N, C-alpha and C. Protein backbone atom coordinates (compact mmCIF):
# COMPACT_ATOMS: atom_id res chain seq x y z
N MET A 1 1.03 17.03 2.59
CA MET A 1 1.57 16.20 1.54
C MET A 1 0.59 16.20 0.37
N GLU A 2 1.10 16.50 -0.79
CA GLU A 2 0.27 16.59 -1.99
C GLU A 2 0.68 15.51 -2.98
N ILE A 3 -0.14 14.49 -3.14
CA ILE A 3 0.19 13.38 -4.03
C ILE A 3 0.20 13.81 -5.49
N MET A 4 -0.67 14.73 -5.86
CA MET A 4 -0.78 15.12 -7.27
C MET A 4 0.48 15.86 -7.77
N ASN A 5 1.30 16.39 -6.88
CA ASN A 5 2.51 17.12 -7.28
C ASN A 5 3.78 16.32 -6.98
N MET A 6 3.71 15.00 -7.14
CA MET A 6 4.85 14.15 -6.81
C MET A 6 6.04 14.43 -7.71
N LYS A 7 7.23 14.27 -7.11
CA LYS A 7 8.48 14.34 -7.84
C LYS A 7 9.23 13.03 -7.56
N LEU A 8 9.88 12.51 -8.60
CA LEU A 8 10.58 11.24 -8.47
C LEU A 8 12.09 11.44 -8.55
N LYS A 9 12.80 10.68 -7.74
CA LYS A 9 14.25 10.58 -7.85
C LYS A 9 14.55 9.11 -8.11
N MET A 10 15.02 8.81 -9.33
CA MET A 10 15.32 7.42 -9.69
C MET A 10 16.80 7.16 -9.65
N MET A 11 17.16 6.02 -9.06
CA MET A 11 18.56 5.64 -8.94
C MET A 11 18.73 4.21 -9.45
N SER A 12 19.81 3.96 -10.14
CA SER A 12 20.13 2.60 -10.56
C SER A 12 20.46 1.76 -9.34
N THR A 13 20.26 0.46 -9.46
CA THR A 13 20.63 -0.46 -8.38
C THR A 13 21.66 -1.45 -8.92
N LEU A 14 22.03 -2.41 -8.11
CA LEU A 14 22.99 -3.42 -8.54
C LEU A 14 22.33 -4.52 -9.38
N TRP A 15 21.03 -4.45 -9.57
CA TRP A 15 20.31 -5.41 -10.40
C TRP A 15 20.01 -4.79 -11.75
N GLU A 16 20.10 -5.58 -12.79
CA GLU A 16 19.80 -5.12 -14.13
C GLU A 16 18.32 -4.76 -14.25
N ASN A 17 18.03 -3.64 -14.88
CA ASN A 17 16.67 -3.16 -15.12
C ASN A 17 15.86 -2.92 -13.84
N THR A 18 16.54 -2.60 -12.75
CA THR A 18 15.86 -2.35 -11.48
C THR A 18 16.31 -1.00 -10.94
N TYR A 19 15.34 -0.20 -10.52
CA TYR A 19 15.62 1.15 -10.05
C TYR A 19 14.97 1.38 -8.70
N ARG A 20 15.62 2.16 -7.88
CA ARG A 20 15.04 2.60 -6.60
C ARG A 20 14.44 3.98 -6.87
N VAL A 21 13.23 4.17 -6.41
CA VAL A 21 12.52 5.43 -6.66
C VAL A 21 12.15 6.07 -5.32
N ALA A 22 12.67 7.26 -5.10
CA ALA A 22 12.28 8.05 -3.93
C ALA A 22 11.19 9.01 -4.40
N ILE A 23 10.10 9.08 -3.66
CA ILE A 23 8.95 9.88 -4.07
C ILE A 23 8.74 10.99 -3.06
N GLU A 24 8.69 12.22 -3.56
CA GLU A 24 8.50 13.40 -2.70
C GLU A 24 7.29 14.18 -3.19
N ASP A 25 6.73 15.00 -2.29
CA ASP A 25 5.67 15.92 -2.71
C ASP A 25 6.31 17.18 -3.27
N GLY A 26 5.51 18.13 -3.68
CA GLY A 26 6.02 19.36 -4.30
C GLY A 26 6.91 20.19 -3.41
N GLN A 27 6.82 20.01 -2.08
CA GLN A 27 7.64 20.78 -1.14
C GLN A 27 8.86 19.99 -0.64
N GLY A 28 9.13 18.84 -1.25
CA GLY A 28 10.28 18.04 -0.83
C GLY A 28 10.00 17.12 0.33
N GLY A 29 8.73 17.00 0.74
CA GLY A 29 8.37 16.10 1.83
C GLY A 29 8.29 14.66 1.34
N TYR A 30 8.57 13.75 2.24
CA TYR A 30 8.60 12.32 1.91
C TYR A 30 7.20 11.77 1.66
N ILE A 31 7.03 11.06 0.55
CA ILE A 31 5.78 10.34 0.28
C ILE A 31 6.02 8.84 0.37
N GLY A 32 7.12 8.36 -0.23
CA GLY A 32 7.37 6.92 -0.17
C GLY A 32 8.59 6.52 -0.97
N THR A 33 8.87 5.22 -0.93
CA THR A 33 9.94 4.64 -1.74
C THR A 33 9.42 3.37 -2.39
N CYS A 34 9.94 3.09 -3.56
CA CYS A 34 9.56 1.86 -4.24
C CYS A 34 10.72 1.40 -5.11
N ARG A 35 10.59 0.21 -5.59
CA ARG A 35 11.55 -0.37 -6.50
C ARG A 35 10.82 -0.59 -7.82
N ALA A 36 11.38 -0.13 -8.91
CA ALA A 36 10.77 -0.29 -10.24
C ALA A 36 11.60 -1.33 -11.00
N VAL A 37 10.93 -2.40 -11.39
CA VAL A 37 11.59 -3.50 -12.11
C VAL A 37 11.02 -3.55 -13.52
N VAL A 38 11.87 -3.33 -14.50
CA VAL A 38 11.45 -3.33 -15.90
C VAL A 38 11.61 -4.73 -16.46
N ASN A 39 10.52 -5.28 -16.98
CA ASN A 39 10.55 -6.58 -17.64
C ASN A 39 10.54 -6.36 -19.13
N VAL A 40 11.67 -6.63 -19.76
CA VAL A 40 11.84 -6.43 -21.19
C VAL A 40 11.69 -7.78 -21.88
N PRO A 41 10.86 -7.85 -22.93
CA PRO A 41 10.70 -9.13 -23.63
C PRO A 41 12.01 -9.62 -24.26
N ILE A 42 12.14 -10.92 -24.37
CA ILE A 42 13.29 -11.52 -25.04
C ILE A 42 13.22 -11.14 -26.51
N ASP A 43 14.36 -10.93 -27.10
CA ASP A 43 14.43 -10.58 -28.52
C ASP A 43 13.74 -11.67 -29.35
N PRO A 44 12.86 -11.29 -30.28
CA PRO A 44 12.14 -12.28 -31.09
C PRO A 44 13.06 -13.23 -31.86
N SER A 45 14.26 -12.79 -32.19
CA SER A 45 15.19 -13.68 -32.92
C SER A 45 15.64 -14.86 -32.06
N GLU A 46 15.48 -14.75 -30.74
CA GLU A 46 15.89 -15.83 -29.84
C GLU A 46 14.74 -16.77 -29.49
N LEU A 47 13.58 -16.54 -30.07
CA LEU A 47 12.39 -17.32 -29.73
C LEU A 47 11.96 -18.20 -30.90
N PRO A 48 11.19 -19.24 -30.61
CA PRO A 48 10.64 -20.05 -31.70
C PRO A 48 9.68 -19.21 -32.55
N PRO A 49 9.47 -19.57 -33.79
CA PRO A 49 8.61 -18.77 -34.67
C PRO A 49 7.17 -18.65 -34.18
N ASN A 50 6.69 -19.64 -33.44
CA ASN A 50 5.29 -19.60 -32.99
C ASN A 50 5.13 -18.98 -31.60
N ALA A 51 6.15 -18.39 -31.06
CA ALA A 51 6.07 -17.78 -29.72
C ALA A 51 5.16 -16.54 -29.77
N PRO A 52 4.38 -16.34 -28.72
CA PRO A 52 3.52 -15.15 -28.70
C PRO A 52 4.35 -13.88 -28.54
N THR A 53 3.79 -12.77 -28.95
CA THR A 53 4.49 -11.49 -28.75
C THR A 53 4.00 -10.89 -27.44
N VAL A 54 4.90 -10.26 -26.74
CA VAL A 54 4.57 -9.61 -25.47
C VAL A 54 5.14 -8.20 -25.45
N GLU A 55 4.61 -7.38 -24.59
CA GLU A 55 5.07 -6.00 -24.45
C GLU A 55 5.86 -5.84 -23.16
N PRO A 56 6.70 -4.84 -23.08
CA PRO A 56 7.41 -4.58 -21.81
C PRO A 56 6.40 -4.28 -20.70
N GLN A 57 6.80 -4.56 -19.50
CA GLN A 57 5.96 -4.24 -18.35
C GLN A 57 6.83 -3.76 -17.20
N LEU A 58 6.21 -3.07 -16.28
CA LEU A 58 6.93 -2.50 -15.15
C LEU A 58 6.27 -2.96 -13.86
N PHE A 59 7.06 -3.57 -12.98
CA PHE A 59 6.58 -3.94 -11.65
C PHE A 59 7.04 -2.86 -10.68
N VAL A 60 6.12 -2.32 -9.93
CA VAL A 60 6.43 -1.31 -8.91
C VAL A 60 6.23 -1.97 -7.55
N LEU A 61 7.33 -2.21 -6.84
CA LEU A 61 7.28 -2.81 -5.51
C LEU A 61 7.31 -1.68 -4.50
N VAL A 62 6.17 -1.36 -3.95
CA VAL A 62 6.08 -0.25 -2.99
C VAL A 62 6.67 -0.75 -1.67
N GLU A 63 7.73 -0.09 -1.22
CA GLU A 63 8.40 -0.51 0.00
C GLU A 63 7.88 0.23 1.22
N ASP A 64 7.52 1.49 1.03
CA ASP A 64 7.10 2.32 2.16
C ASP A 64 6.31 3.51 1.62
N PHE A 65 5.31 3.96 2.38
CA PHE A 65 4.60 5.18 2.00
C PHE A 65 4.06 5.86 3.25
N SER A 66 3.85 7.16 3.14
CA SER A 66 3.43 7.94 4.32
C SER A 66 2.14 8.69 4.04
N PHE A 67 1.14 7.99 3.53
CA PHE A 67 -0.15 8.62 3.29
C PHE A 67 -1.24 7.64 3.65
N ASP A 68 -2.45 8.15 3.77
CA ASP A 68 -3.60 7.33 4.13
C ASP A 68 -3.96 6.40 2.98
N VAL A 69 -4.38 5.20 3.31
CA VAL A 69 -4.71 4.19 2.30
C VAL A 69 -5.82 4.68 1.36
N SER A 70 -6.64 5.59 1.79
CA SER A 70 -7.72 6.10 0.94
C SER A 70 -7.18 6.86 -0.27
N LYS A 71 -5.90 7.22 -0.25
CA LYS A 71 -5.29 7.97 -1.37
C LYS A 71 -4.51 7.06 -2.31
N ILE A 72 -4.66 5.76 -2.16
CA ILE A 72 -3.83 4.84 -2.93
C ILE A 72 -4.11 4.90 -4.43
N ILE A 73 -5.35 5.11 -4.83
CA ILE A 73 -5.66 5.17 -6.26
C ILE A 73 -5.04 6.43 -6.88
N ASN A 74 -5.13 7.56 -6.19
CA ASN A 74 -4.47 8.78 -6.68
C ASN A 74 -2.96 8.59 -6.76
N PHE A 75 -2.41 7.93 -5.75
CA PHE A 75 -0.98 7.66 -5.72
C PHE A 75 -0.56 6.82 -6.92
N GLU A 76 -1.27 5.71 -7.17
CA GLU A 76 -0.91 4.83 -8.28
C GLU A 76 -1.10 5.51 -9.63
N ALA A 77 -2.19 6.26 -9.79
CA ALA A 77 -2.44 6.94 -11.06
C ALA A 77 -1.36 7.98 -11.36
N THR A 78 -1.01 8.78 -10.35
CA THR A 78 0.01 9.82 -10.54
C THR A 78 1.38 9.20 -10.76
N LEU A 79 1.72 8.21 -9.95
CA LEU A 79 3.02 7.56 -10.08
C LEU A 79 3.14 6.84 -11.44
N SER A 80 2.07 6.21 -11.89
CA SER A 80 2.08 5.56 -13.21
C SER A 80 2.38 6.55 -14.31
N ASP A 81 1.73 7.71 -14.26
CA ASP A 81 1.97 8.73 -15.28
C ASP A 81 3.42 9.19 -15.27
N LEU A 82 3.95 9.42 -14.07
CA LEU A 82 5.34 9.89 -13.96
C LEU A 82 6.34 8.83 -14.42
N LEU A 83 6.09 7.57 -14.09
CA LEU A 83 6.99 6.50 -14.53
C LEU A 83 6.92 6.29 -16.03
N ARG A 84 5.73 6.37 -16.60
CA ARG A 84 5.61 6.24 -18.06
C ARG A 84 6.41 7.35 -18.75
N GLU A 85 6.33 8.55 -18.19
CA GLU A 85 7.09 9.67 -18.74
C GLU A 85 8.59 9.40 -18.65
N LYS A 86 9.06 8.89 -17.50
CA LYS A 86 10.49 8.59 -17.33
C LYS A 86 10.98 7.56 -18.34
N PHE A 87 10.12 6.59 -18.66
CA PHE A 87 10.50 5.54 -19.60
C PHE A 87 10.02 5.84 -21.01
N ARG A 88 9.77 7.10 -21.29
CA ARG A 88 9.43 7.60 -22.63
C ARG A 88 8.21 6.88 -23.23
N TYR A 89 7.26 6.55 -22.39
CA TYR A 89 5.98 5.97 -22.81
C TYR A 89 6.15 4.66 -23.58
N GLN A 90 7.22 3.92 -23.30
CA GLN A 90 7.45 2.66 -23.99
C GLN A 90 7.00 1.45 -23.18
N ILE A 91 6.46 1.68 -21.98
CA ILE A 91 6.00 0.58 -21.14
C ILE A 91 4.49 0.75 -20.91
N PRO A 92 3.69 -0.07 -21.58
CA PRO A 92 2.24 0.11 -21.49
C PRO A 92 1.60 -0.44 -20.21
N HIS A 93 2.22 -1.42 -19.57
CA HIS A 93 1.60 -2.08 -18.42
C HIS A 93 2.42 -1.87 -17.16
N ILE A 94 1.76 -1.36 -16.12
CA ILE A 94 2.41 -1.16 -14.82
C ILE A 94 1.61 -1.89 -13.76
N PHE A 95 2.31 -2.69 -12.95
CA PHE A 95 1.68 -3.47 -11.90
C PHE A 95 2.25 -3.04 -10.55
N PHE A 96 1.39 -2.79 -9.57
CA PHE A 96 1.82 -2.38 -8.24
C PHE A 96 1.72 -3.55 -7.27
N PHE A 97 2.73 -3.65 -6.41
CA PHE A 97 2.76 -4.67 -5.37
C PHE A 97 3.10 -4.00 -4.05
N TYR A 98 2.47 -4.47 -2.98
CA TYR A 98 2.65 -3.89 -1.66
C TYR A 98 3.10 -4.97 -0.68
N PRO A 99 3.78 -4.56 0.41
CA PRO A 99 4.19 -5.55 1.41
C PRO A 99 2.97 -6.24 2.02
N SER A 100 3.15 -7.48 2.35
CA SER A 100 2.09 -8.23 3.02
C SER A 100 1.88 -7.66 4.41
N PRO A 101 0.64 -7.38 4.80
CA PRO A 101 0.41 -6.87 6.17
C PRO A 101 0.97 -7.82 7.22
N HIS A 102 0.89 -9.11 6.97
CA HIS A 102 1.42 -10.09 7.91
C HIS A 102 2.92 -9.88 8.12
N ASP A 103 3.65 -9.68 7.02
CA ASP A 103 5.10 -9.48 7.12
C ASP A 103 5.44 -8.18 7.83
N VAL A 104 4.70 -7.12 7.50
CA VAL A 104 4.99 -5.82 8.09
C VAL A 104 4.65 -5.80 9.58
N LEU A 105 3.50 -6.33 9.93
CA LEU A 105 3.06 -6.29 11.33
C LEU A 105 3.86 -7.22 12.24
N ASN A 106 4.42 -8.28 11.67
CA ASN A 106 5.19 -9.22 12.47
C ASN A 106 6.69 -9.00 12.39
N GLN A 107 7.09 -7.90 11.79
CA GLN A 107 8.51 -7.59 11.62
C GLN A 107 9.10 -7.15 12.96
N GLU A 108 10.21 -7.73 13.31
CA GLU A 108 10.89 -7.35 14.54
C GLU A 108 11.81 -6.15 14.26
N ILE A 109 11.63 -5.10 15.00
CA ILE A 109 12.42 -3.90 14.81
C ILE A 109 13.59 -3.91 15.79
N THR A 110 14.79 -3.77 15.24
CA THR A 110 15.97 -3.73 16.11
C THR A 110 16.71 -2.43 15.87
N GLN A 111 17.28 -1.91 16.92
CA GLN A 111 18.08 -0.69 16.79
C GLN A 111 19.53 -1.06 16.94
N SER A 112 20.36 -0.48 16.06
CA SER A 112 21.79 -0.79 16.16
C SER A 112 22.55 0.39 16.68
């Protein structure tokens, strides 16, 4: 698995400004999945005159990944670059969130 050669498949979801992202390596192997939530500022015309200005931001909710934790910085750096490219470099701030170890480790797995 090569993190530096990631390819993204983005799909719309039923939520506004929310996308599901499937992440693969250069050979089509699975790297992970995440949800990308775009936070767009309210139009300035709808705000009071003294309201601060803010920039768009992107929350990346990492749902699953199949690489060693030691590669997380490379993963985030590469994924950030690819997501900025997808959104035409209009989102300056990207924040990553991961599942709580407590939630993941205590999750009951059922087979249907």
